[in-house]
Amino acid sequence: MARPSKPRRVCRMPACTHFYAEHTGSPQCRQGLLLSVEEYEVVRLLDYQGLTQQEAAAQMGAGRTTIQALYTQARRKLARFLVEGFPLTIAGGSYQLCPSPQGCLNHFLKTIKGEHIMKIAVTYENGEIFQHFGHTSQFKVYEVENGAIVSSEVVSTNGQGHGALAGFLFHGGIDVLICGGIGGGARNALAEAGIELYPGATGNADAQVESFLKGQLAYDPDTVCSHHSHEDGHGCGSHSCGSEKCH
């Protein structure tokens, strides 16, 4: 059974929700396009207010990959409206309205002033990026402000495994996870928690976080560790997690 998607935070509902093209010499298209409220919000934040994707992600309580996907979907629908003349309606989706527009404004002002502190977690062992997310016993957590690391600490997972680690990171306020191998279930849980994922990374944890902040992190978004039944007697065998075997 599919898990429900995490609602995205929306600050303002659209003032106009129905749009129609004026056709010249051709019949009105009857098939309509539906733009979800969170797709509208992404376009409002990125194209109207001029926020970056990271700032929009922070305001909407979503990961940057989610913002990218919503933006791509929204732009395609807007292009079809302009080029093909389909009627466009803004409605529905998975969102929650901010209780206070002023609260949204304050959050936006803090974000653009650099007052939002990003938290990056790295699967960690002996200074290196540990290569199996579900078996990591520690994360190194970095606080980043204005693009620079201001603090870091190593935190224990207290023996929690695959299923609980996404919640552990979510409750720790983590925005970004850098790791080696990771399974599909954990990927889904992290996405629902609004945590950006950068798998397939290797090497010294501190150095890789610095590379991430410079936009130079070497990672593989397709890295998967699919064999998670080790407790049932199945080892990683011939599959690998990142560049190393799980064990």
Protein backbone atom coordinates (compact mmCIF):
# COMPACT_ATOMS: atom_id res chain seq x y z
CA MET A 1 0.00 0.00 0.00
CA ALA A 2 1.46 3.36 -1.04
CA ARG A 3 2.19 5.82 1.74
CA PRO A 4 0.44 9.20 1.58
CA SER A 5 2.67 12.00 0.34
CA LYS A 6 3.84 14.61 2.79
CA PRO A 7 1.78 17.84 2.44
CA ARG A 8 3.78 20.83 1.20
CA ARG A 9 3.44 24.15 2.96
CA VAL A 10 1.62 26.81 0.93
CA CYS A 11 1.62 30.44 2.05
CA ARG A 12 -0.99 31.92 -0.29
CA MET A 13 -3.85 30.50 -2.33
CA PRO A 14 -4.16 31.74 -5.93
CA ALA A 15 -6.41 34.76 -6.49
CA CYS A 16 -7.50 33.35 -9.87
CA THR A 17 -8.05 29.65 -10.43
CA HIS A 18 -9.50 29.33 -13.96
CA PHE A 19 -7.76 30.44 -17.17
CA TYR A 20 -8.99 30.21 -20.76
CA ALA A 21 -7.28 31.02 -24.05
CA GLU A 22 -9.00 33.16 -26.65
CA HIS A 23 -8.98 31.15 -29.86
CA THR A 24 -8.90 32.67 -33.34
CA GLY A 25 -10.45 30.61 -36.11
CA SER A 26 -10.33 27.31 -34.21
CA PRO A 27 -12.76 25.65 -31.80
CA GLN A 28 -12.26 26.05 -28.06
CA CYS A 29 -10.35 23.11 -26.60
CA ARG A 30 -12.54 21.33 -24.08
CA GLN A 31 -9.89 19.17 -22.44
CA GLY A 32 -8.51 20.99 -19.42
CA LEU A 33 -5.21 21.06 -17.59
CA LEU A 34 -5.07 20.79 -13.80
CA LEU A 35 -2.30 22.63 -11.95
CA SER A 36 -2.08 21.55 -8.31
CA VAL A 37 -1.90 24.20 -5.58
CA GLU A 38 1.65 23.18 -4.62
CA GLU A 39 2.74 23.38 -8.28
CA TYR A 40 1.30 26.90 -8.37
CA GLU A 41 3.17 27.74 -5.16
CA VAL A 42 6.49 26.57 -6.60
CA VAL A 43 6.01 28.78 -9.67
CA ARG A 44 5.01 31.71 -7.43
CA LEU A 45 8.09 31.34 -5.26
CA LEU A 46 10.63 30.68 -8.03
CA ASP A 47 9.38 32.78 -10.95
CA TYR A 48 7.38 35.52 -9.19
CA GLN A 49 9.31 36.05 -5.94
CA GLY A 50 12.67 34.99 -7.36
CA LEU A 51 13.63 32.52 -4.64
CA THR A 52 16.23 29.83 -5.26
CA GLN A 53 15.13 26.19 -5.23
CA GLN A 54 16.80 25.73 -1.83
CA GLU A 55 14.92 28.72 -0.40
CA ALA A 56 11.63 27.50 -1.87
CA ALA A 57 12.26 24.03 -0.43
CA ALA A 58 12.84 25.50 3.03
CA GLN A 59 9.67 27.60 2.84
CA MET A 60 7.49 24.73 1.61
CA GLY A 61 8.97 22.13 3.97
CA ALA A 62 10.09 19.89 1.10
CA GLY A 63 13.32 18.60 -0.39
CA ARG A 64 14.96 20.36 -3.31
CA THR A 65 14.42 17.32 -5.54
CA THR A 66 10.68 17.58 -4.79
CA ILE A 67 10.73 21.28 -5.70
CA GLN A 68 12.54 20.48 -8.95
CA ALA A 69 9.94 17.83 -9.86
CA LEU A 70 6.99 20.12 -9.05
CA TYR A 71 8.53 22.97 -11.02
CA THR A 72 9.14 20.79 -14.08
CA GLN A 73 5.55 19.52 -14.01
CA ALA A 74 4.14 23.02 -13.56
CA ARG A 75 6.21 24.58 -16.35
CA ARG A 76 5.14 21.85 -18.77
CA LYS A 77 1.46 22.49 -18.00
CA LEU A 78 1.91 26.25 -18.38
CA ALA A 79 3.66 25.68 -21.72
CA ARG A 80 0.76 23.56 -22.97
CA PHE A 81 -1.69 26.25 -21.89
CA LEU A 82 0.24 28.90 -23.85
CA VAL A 83 1.01 26.81 -26.93
CA GLU A 84 -2.03 24.56 -27.24
CA GLY A 85 -4.65 26.73 -25.57
CA PHE A 86 -6.03 24.16 -23.14
CA PRO A 87 -8.13 25.62 -20.30
CA LEU A 88 -6.14 25.65 -17.06
CA THR A 89 -7.52 25.18 -13.54
CA ILE A 90 -5.59 25.49 -10.28
CA ALA A 91 -6.98 23.10 -7.66
CA GLY A 92 -6.24 20.11 -5.46
CA GLY A 93 -2.93 18.52 -4.56
CA SER A 94 -1.22 17.61 -1.31
CA TYR A 95 -0.66 20.80 0.67
CA GLN A 96 -1.33 22.57 3.95
CA LEU A 97 -2.02 26.27 4.17
CA CYS A 98 0.16 28.30 6.54
CA PRO A 99 -1.97 29.51 9.46
CA SER A 100 -0.31 32.93 9.38
CA PRO A 101 0.79 34.80 6.23
CA GLN A 102 3.02 36.91 8.49
CA GLY A 103 4.72 33.74 9.69
CA CYS A 104 5.46 32.86 6.06
CA LEU A 105 6.82 36.35 5.46
CA ASN A 106 9.09 36.16 8.51
CA HIS A 107 10.39 32.75 7.40
CA PHE A 108 11.03 34.11 3.89
CA LEU A 109 12.91 37.13 5.23
CA LYS A 110 15.08 34.91 7.43
CA THR A 111 15.80 32.62 4.51
CA ILE A 112 16.93 35.34 2.09
CA LYS A 113 19.04 36.94 4.83
CA GLY A 114 20.85 33.63 5.35
CA GLU A 115 19.45 33.10 8.85
CA HIS A 116 18.18 29.63 7.98
CA ILE A 117 20.71 27.07 9.21
CA MET A 118 20.97 24.03 6.99
CA LYS A 119 21.71 20.70 8.67
CA ILE A 120 23.61 18.05 6.71
CA ALA A 121 23.95 14.47 7.96
CA VAL A 122 26.55 11.97 6.72
CA THR A 123 26.63 8.24 7.44
CA TYR A 124 29.84 8.06 9.44
CA GLU A 125 32.57 5.66 10.53
CA ASN A 126 36.20 6.50 11.41
CA GLY A 127 36.10 9.80 9.57
CA GLU A 128 34.75 8.27 6.36
CA ILE A 129 31.32 8.05 4.72
CA PHE A 130 29.90 4.70 5.86
CA GLN A 131 28.68 2.70 2.87
CA HIS A 132 25.43 1.16 4.11
CA PHE A 133 22.75 3.59 5.30
CA GLY A 134 20.62 1.01 7.09
CA HIS A 135 23.51 -0.29 9.20
CA THR A 136 25.12 2.99 10.15
CA SER A 137 25.65 3.38 13.89
CA GLN A 138 26.53 7.07 13.65
CA PHE A 139 25.82 10.19 11.66
CA LYS A 140 28.05 13.23 11.56
CA VAL A 141 25.79 16.27 11.53
CA TYR A 142 26.97 19.62 10.19
CA GLU A 143 25.25 22.97 10.69
CA VAL A 144 25.74 25.31 7.73
CA GLU A 145 25.04 29.02 7.61
CA ASN A 146 25.68 31.29 4.62
CA GLY A 147 27.38 28.40 2.82
CA ALA A 148 29.91 27.69 5.59
CA ILE A 149 30.08 25.01 8.28
CA VAL A 150 29.55 26.61 11.70
CA SER A 151 29.48 23.44 13.82
CA SER A 152 29.53 19.65 13.62
CA GLU A 153 28.97 16.70 15.92
CA VAL A 154 28.83 12.90 15.76
CA VAL A 155 25.51 11.48 16.92
CA SER A 156 24.66 7.85 17.64
CA THR A 157 21.66 6.16 16.02
CA ASN A 158 21.15 4.14 19.24
CA GLY A 159 20.89 0.90 17.34
CA GLN A 160 18.03 2.05 15.08
CA GLY A 161 17.91 0.38 11.69
CA HIS A 162 16.52 0.95 8.19
CA GLY A 163 12.90 1.77 9.01
CA ALA A 164 13.54 4.18 11.88
CA LEU A 165 16.51 6.12 10.55
CA ALA A 166 14.49 8.46 8.32
CA GLY A 167 12.39 9.45 11.33
CA PHE A 168 15.56 9.85 13.38
CA LEU A 169 16.92 12.31 10.81
CA PHE A 170 13.58 14.10 10.40
CA HIS A 171 13.26 14.73 14.14
CA GLY A 172 16.85 15.95 14.15
CA GLY A 173 15.93 18.67 11.66
CA ILE A 174 18.13 17.28 8.90
CA ASP A 175 17.81 18.92 5.46
CA VAL A 176 20.36 16.86 3.48
CA LEU A 177 21.73 13.32 3.76
CA ILE A 178 25.00 12.25 2.13
CA CYS A 179 25.63 8.50 2.18
CA GLY A 180 26.92 5.46 0.31
CA GLY A 181 24.45 2.69 -0.54
CA ILE A 182 20.77 2.97 0.35
CA GLY A 183 17.67 0.89 -0.38
CA GLY A 184 14.43 1.86 -2.07
CA GLY A 185 12.33 1.84 1.10
CA ALA A 186 14.72 4.22 2.85
CA ARG A 187 14.74 6.48 -0.21
CA ASN A 188 10.95 6.72 -0.09
CA ALA A 189 10.93 7.43 3.64
CA LEU A 190 13.51 10.20 3.26
CA ALA A 191 11.56 11.74 0.38
CA GLU A 192 8.39 11.78 2.48
CA ALA A 193 10.34 13.44 5.29
CA GLY A 194 11.50 16.17 2.87
CA ILE A 195 15.18 15.23 3.21
CA GLU A 196 17.38 15.67 0.14
CA LEU A 197 19.41 12.56 -0.66
CA TYR A 198 22.91 12.35 -2.17
CA PRO A 199 23.87 8.64 -2.31
CA GLY A 200 26.93 6.95 -3.77
CA ALA A 201 29.40 9.30 -2.09
CA THR A 202 32.69 7.98 -0.70
CA GLY A 203 35.76 9.25 1.13
CA ASN A 204 36.44 11.60 4.01
CA ALA A 205 33.17 12.95 5.45
CA ASP A 206 34.43 16.48 6.17
CA ALA A 207 35.95 16.82 2.71
CA GLN A 208 32.82 15.60 0.98
CA VAL A 209 30.59 18.04 2.85
CA GLU A 210 32.92 20.86 1.80
CA SER A 211 32.64 19.60 -1.78
CA PHE A 212 28.85 19.56 -1.48
CA LEU A 213 28.81 23.19 -0.34
CA LYS A 214 30.94 24.12 -3.37
CA GLY A 215 28.59 22.22 -5.69
CA GLN A 216 31.34 19.68 -6.46
CA LEU A 217 30.20 16.57 -4.58
CA ALA A 218 30.87 13.35 -6.51
CA TYR A 219 27.85 11.11 -5.99
CA ASP A 220 25.68 8.66 -7.90
CA PRO A 221 21.90 9.23 -7.61
CA ASP A 222 21.27 5.69 -8.91
CA THR A 223 23.28 3.95 -6.18
CA VAL A 224 21.12 1.25 -4.59
CA CYS A 225 21.63 -1.34 -1.87
CA SER A 226 18.62 -3.60 -2.42
CA HIS A 227 19.51 -6.65 -0.29
CA HIS A 228 18.32 -5.68 3.17
CA SER A 229 17.57 -9.12 4.61
CA HIS A 230 20.92 -9.64 6.26
CA GLU A 231 19.28 -10.67 9.50
CA ASP A 232 17.70 -13.57 7.58
CA GLY A 233 21.08 -14.92 6.62
CA HIS A 234 21.47 -13.14 3.28
CA GLY A 235 24.66 -11.15 2.93
CA CYS A 236 25.36 -8.50 0.37
CA GLY A 237 26.99 -11.15 -1.79
CA SER A 238 28.05 -9.74 -5.11
CA HIS A 239 26.13 -6.47 -4.97
CA SER A 240 27.82 -3.33 -3.77
CA CYS A 241 26.78 -0.21 -1.93
CA GLY A 242 28.54 2.77 -3.41
CA SER A 243 32.11 1.76 -4.20
CA GLU A 244 32.49 -0.84 -1.43
CA LYS A 245 30.70 -3.93 -0.25
CA CYS A 246 28.23 -3.48 2.61
CA HIS A 247 30.36 -5.57 4.96
